[in-house]
């Protein structure tokens, strides 16, 4: 997958395909592009949820937050993550 495309690492969708081939299931996820889309996804998944930026080179602590328990917390957290990403 990755090596055939000149990369050393799998992207998330490739990782999910590989793990599912071995019977390993992962928690459902949604890809979003805004805080409001994140709120909609969180409502669809059910609370609490986690949020993660797809930023290469950042540590997990810099790009992820777990235990988001309400629409307001998701909205605020994702908005803050996007601000930090753009700074």
N, C-alpha and C. Protein backbone atom coordinates (compact mmCIF):
# COMPACT_ATOMS: atom_id res chain seq x y z
N UNK A 1 0.82 -1.19 0.00
CA UNK A 1 0.00 0.00 0.00
C UNK A 1 0.87 1.26 0.00
N UNK A 2 1.48 1.54 1.14
CA UNK A 2 2.27 2.77 1.28
C UNK A 2 3.53 2.71 0.42
N UNK A 3 4.27 1.61 0.51
CA UNK A 3 5.53 1.52 -0.22
C UNK A 3 5.31 1.63 -1.72
N UNK A 4 4.22 1.09 -2.20
CA UNK A 4 3.90 1.18 -3.62
C UNK A 4 3.61 2.60 -4.07
N UNK A 5 3.33 3.46 -3.11
CA UNK A 5 3.04 4.87 -3.41
C UNK A 5 4.18 5.78 -2.95
N UNK A 6 5.33 5.19 -2.62
CA UNK A 6 6.49 5.99 -2.22
C UNK A 6 6.44 6.52 -0.81
N UNK A 7 5.58 5.93 0.06
CA UNK A 7 5.48 6.37 1.45
C UNK A 7 5.99 5.26 2.35
N UNK A 8 6.46 5.64 3.54
CA UNK A 8 6.93 4.65 4.51
C UNK A 8 5.84 4.26 5.51
N UNK A 9 4.76 5.03 5.57
CA UNK A 9 3.71 4.78 6.56
C UNK A 9 2.35 4.70 5.88
N UNK A 10 1.46 3.95 6.50
CA UNK A 10 0.09 3.84 6.01
C UNK A 10 -0.71 5.07 6.43
N UNK A 11 -1.66 5.48 5.59
CA UNK A 11 -2.61 6.49 6.01
C UNK A 11 -3.74 5.78 6.74
N UNK A 12 -4.58 6.55 7.41
CA UNK A 12 -5.59 5.94 8.28
C UNK A 12 -6.50 4.96 7.54
N UNK A 13 -6.97 5.31 6.37
CA UNK A 13 -7.87 4.42 5.64
C UNK A 13 -7.18 3.10 5.29
N UNK A 14 -5.90 3.15 4.94
CA UNK A 14 -5.15 1.92 4.65
C UNK A 14 -4.97 1.08 5.91
N UNK A 15 -4.72 1.74 7.03
CA UNK A 15 -4.58 1.04 8.30
C UNK A 15 -5.86 0.30 8.66
N UNK A 16 -7.01 0.97 8.48
CA UNK A 16 -8.29 0.33 8.77
C UNK A 16 -8.51 -0.90 7.89
N UNK A 17 -8.17 -0.81 6.62
CA UNK A 17 -8.33 -1.94 5.69
C UNK A 17 -7.44 -3.10 6.13
N UNK A 18 -6.19 -2.81 6.45
CA UNK A 18 -5.25 -3.84 6.86
C UNK A 18 -5.71 -4.53 8.14
N UNK A 19 -6.07 -3.76 9.14
CA UNK A 19 -6.49 -4.34 10.42
C UNK A 19 -7.77 -5.15 10.27
N UNK A 20 -8.70 -4.67 9.46
CA UNK A 20 -9.95 -5.42 9.28
C UNK A 20 -9.70 -6.75 8.58
N UNK A 21 -8.69 -6.80 7.72
CA UNK A 21 -8.34 -8.06 7.07
C UNK A 21 -7.89 -9.11 8.07
N UNK A 22 -7.40 -8.67 9.23
CA UNK A 22 -6.98 -9.58 10.30
C UNK A 22 -8.04 -9.71 11.39
N UNK A 23 -9.24 -9.19 11.12
CA UNK A 23 -10.33 -9.32 12.08
C UNK A 23 -10.28 -8.35 13.24
N UNK A 24 -9.48 -7.32 13.13
CA UNK A 24 -9.36 -6.33 14.20
C UNK A 24 -10.27 -5.15 13.86
N UNK A 25 -11.22 -4.88 14.75
CA UNK A 25 -12.14 -3.78 14.50
C UNK A 25 -11.70 -2.54 15.28
N UNK A 26 -11.96 -1.41 14.70
CA UNK A 26 -11.64 -0.14 15.32
C UNK A 26 -12.93 0.62 15.59
N UNK A 27 -12.85 1.56 16.48
CA UNK A 27 -14.01 2.40 16.77
C UNK A 27 -14.39 3.17 15.51
N UNK A 28 -15.68 3.41 15.31
CA UNK A 28 -16.09 4.19 14.14
C UNK A 28 -15.54 5.60 14.20
N UNK A 29 -15.34 6.19 13.04
CA UNK A 29 -14.83 7.55 13.02
C UNK A 29 -15.48 8.31 11.86
N UNK A 30 -15.42 9.61 11.96
CA UNK A 30 -15.92 10.50 10.91
C UNK A 30 -14.81 11.50 10.60
N UNK A 31 -14.64 11.80 9.34
CA UNK A 31 -13.71 12.85 8.93
C UNK A 31 -14.52 14.12 8.71
N UNK A 32 -14.10 15.19 9.35
CA UNK A 32 -14.83 16.46 9.26
C UNK A 32 -13.86 17.58 8.93
N UNK A 33 -14.42 18.71 8.49
CA UNK A 33 -13.58 19.85 8.12
C UNK A 33 -13.92 21.11 8.90
N UNK A 34 -14.85 21.01 9.85
CA UNK A 34 -15.21 22.20 10.64
C UNK A 34 -15.70 21.77 12.01
N UNK A 35 -15.78 22.73 12.91
CA UNK A 35 -16.28 22.46 14.26
C UNK A 35 -17.74 22.02 14.20
N UNK A 36 -18.53 22.62 13.34
CA UNK A 36 -19.95 22.26 13.25
C UNK A 36 -20.12 20.84 12.71
N UNK A 37 -19.29 20.45 11.74
CA UNK A 37 -19.33 19.07 11.25
C UNK A 37 -18.91 18.10 12.36
N UNK A 38 -17.97 18.52 13.20
CA UNK A 38 -17.53 17.69 14.32
C UNK A 38 -18.68 17.47 15.30
N UNK A 39 -19.45 18.52 15.54
CA UNK A 39 -20.61 18.40 16.44
C UNK A 39 -21.63 17.42 15.86
N UNK A 40 -21.90 17.53 14.57
CA UNK A 40 -22.84 16.61 13.92
C UNK A 40 -22.35 15.17 14.00
N UNK A 41 -21.06 14.97 13.76
CA UNK A 41 -20.48 13.63 13.84
C UNK A 41 -20.56 13.08 15.26
N UNK A 42 -20.28 13.92 16.24
CA UNK A 42 -20.35 13.49 17.64
C UNK A 42 -21.76 13.07 18.02
N UNK A 43 -22.74 13.83 17.55
CA UNK A 43 -24.13 13.47 17.83
C UNK A 43 -24.47 12.13 17.18
N UNK A 44 -23.96 11.88 15.97
CA UNK A 44 -24.22 10.61 15.28
C UNK A 44 -23.55 9.44 15.99
N UNK A 45 -22.34 9.66 16.51
CA UNK A 45 -21.59 8.60 17.18
C UNK A 45 -22.09 8.36 18.60
N UNK A 46 -22.50 9.43 19.27
CA UNK A 46 -22.88 9.35 20.68
C UNK A 46 -21.73 9.79 21.56
N UNK A 47 -22.06 10.49 22.61
CA UNK A 47 -21.05 11.03 23.53
C UNK A 47 -20.67 10.01 24.58
N UNK A 48 -19.47 10.09 25.15
CA UNK A 48 -18.37 11.01 24.84
C UNK A 48 -17.65 10.58 23.57
N UNK A 49 -16.93 11.52 22.96
CA UNK A 49 -16.16 11.26 21.75
C UNK A 49 -14.75 11.80 21.92
N UNK A 50 -13.92 11.51 20.95
CA UNK A 50 -12.58 12.08 20.88
C UNK A 50 -12.45 12.86 19.60
N UNK A 51 -11.51 13.76 19.56
CA UNK A 51 -11.23 14.54 18.35
C UNK A 51 -9.74 14.49 18.09
N UNK A 52 -9.40 14.43 16.82
CA UNK A 52 -7.98 14.35 16.46
C UNK A 52 -7.76 15.11 15.16
N UNK A 53 -6.72 15.90 15.11
CA UNK A 53 -6.32 16.56 13.87
C UNK A 53 -5.42 15.61 13.09
N UNK A 54 -5.58 15.59 11.80
CA UNK A 54 -4.71 14.79 10.95
C UNK A 54 -3.47 15.57 10.57
N UNK A 55 -2.59 15.80 11.53
CA UNK A 55 -1.39 16.61 11.31
C UNK A 55 -0.17 15.71 11.38
N UNK A 56 0.56 15.61 10.28
CA UNK A 56 1.77 14.80 10.29
C UNK A 56 2.86 15.52 11.08
N UNK A 57 3.61 14.76 11.85
CA UNK A 57 4.72 15.32 12.59
C UNK A 57 4.36 15.85 13.97
N UNK A 58 3.08 15.94 14.28
CA UNK A 58 2.67 16.41 15.61
C UNK A 58 2.56 15.20 16.54
N UNK A 59 2.81 15.42 17.81
CA UNK A 59 2.61 14.34 18.77
C UNK A 59 1.12 14.20 19.03
N UNK A 60 0.71 13.04 19.54
CA UNK A 60 -0.71 12.81 19.83
C UNK A 60 -1.23 13.84 20.81
N UNK A 61 -0.41 14.24 21.78
CA UNK A 61 -0.85 15.23 22.76
C UNK A 61 -1.13 16.57 22.11
N UNK A 62 -0.46 16.88 21.03
CA UNK A 62 -0.66 18.15 20.35
C UNK A 62 -1.87 18.14 19.43
N UNK A 63 -2.38 16.97 19.10
CA UNK A 63 -3.43 16.93 18.11
C UNK A 63 -4.66 16.10 18.48
N UNK A 64 -4.79 15.66 19.72
CA UNK A 64 -5.91 14.82 20.08
C UNK A 64 -6.50 15.23 21.43
N UNK A 65 -7.78 14.98 21.56
CA UNK A 65 -8.47 15.23 22.82
C UNK A 65 -9.54 14.16 22.98
N UNK A 66 -9.61 13.56 24.15
CA UNK A 66 -10.57 12.49 24.43
C UNK A 66 -11.57 12.93 25.50
N UNK A 67 -12.67 12.22 25.58
CA UNK A 67 -13.65 12.46 26.63
C UNK A 67 -14.47 13.72 26.44
N UNK A 68 -14.73 14.08 25.20
CA UNK A 68 -15.54 15.27 24.92
C UNK A 68 -17.00 14.88 25.10
N UNK A 69 -17.67 15.48 26.08
CA UNK A 69 -18.96 14.97 26.54
C UNK A 69 -20.18 15.75 26.10
N UNK A 70 -20.00 16.86 25.36
CA UNK A 70 -21.18 17.63 24.93
C UNK A 70 -20.90 18.35 23.62
N UNK A 71 -21.96 18.84 22.98
CA UNK A 71 -21.82 19.59 21.73
C UNK A 71 -20.92 20.80 21.93
N UNK A 72 -21.13 21.52 23.02
CA UNK A 72 -20.35 22.74 23.27
C UNK A 72 -18.87 22.42 23.46
N UNK A 73 -18.58 21.34 24.16
CA UNK A 73 -17.18 20.95 24.40
C UNK A 73 -16.53 20.53 23.08
N UNK A 74 -17.24 19.78 22.25
CA UNK A 74 -16.71 19.38 20.94
C UNK A 74 -16.43 20.63 20.09
N UNK A 75 -17.40 21.52 20.01
CA UNK A 75 -17.27 22.73 19.21
C UNK A 75 -16.07 23.57 19.66
N UNK A 76 -15.96 23.79 20.96
CA UNK A 76 -14.87 24.60 21.51
C UNK A 76 -13.51 23.93 21.28
N UNK A 77 -13.43 22.64 21.53
CA UNK A 77 -12.17 21.91 21.39
C UNK A 77 -11.70 21.89 19.95
N UNK A 78 -12.60 21.56 19.03
CA UNK A 78 -12.21 21.49 17.62
C UNK A 78 -11.84 22.88 17.09
N UNK A 79 -12.56 23.90 17.51
CA UNK A 79 -12.22 25.27 17.10
C UNK A 79 -10.83 25.64 17.59
N UNK A 80 -10.52 25.30 18.84
CA UNK A 80 -9.20 25.60 19.40
C UNK A 80 -8.10 24.82 18.68
N UNK A 81 -8.37 23.56 18.36
CA UNK A 81 -7.39 22.74 17.65
C UNK A 81 -7.08 23.36 16.29
N UNK A 82 -8.11 23.83 15.61
CA UNK A 82 -7.92 24.42 14.28
C UNK A 82 -7.13 25.73 14.39
N UNK A 83 -7.39 26.51 15.43
CA UNK A 83 -6.62 27.75 15.63
C UNK A 83 -5.15 27.44 15.85
N UNK A 84 -4.87 26.45 16.69
CA UNK A 84 -3.48 26.07 16.96
C UNK A 84 -2.80 25.53 15.71
N UNK A 85 -3.56 24.80 14.91
CA UNK A 85 -3.02 24.24 13.68
C UNK A 85 -2.60 25.36 12.72
N UNK A 86 -3.35 26.44 12.70
CA UNK A 86 -3.09 27.52 11.76
C UNK A 86 -2.11 28.57 12.30
N UNK A 87 -1.64 28.39 13.53
CA UNK A 87 -0.73 29.40 14.09
C UNK A 87 0.72 29.02 13.89
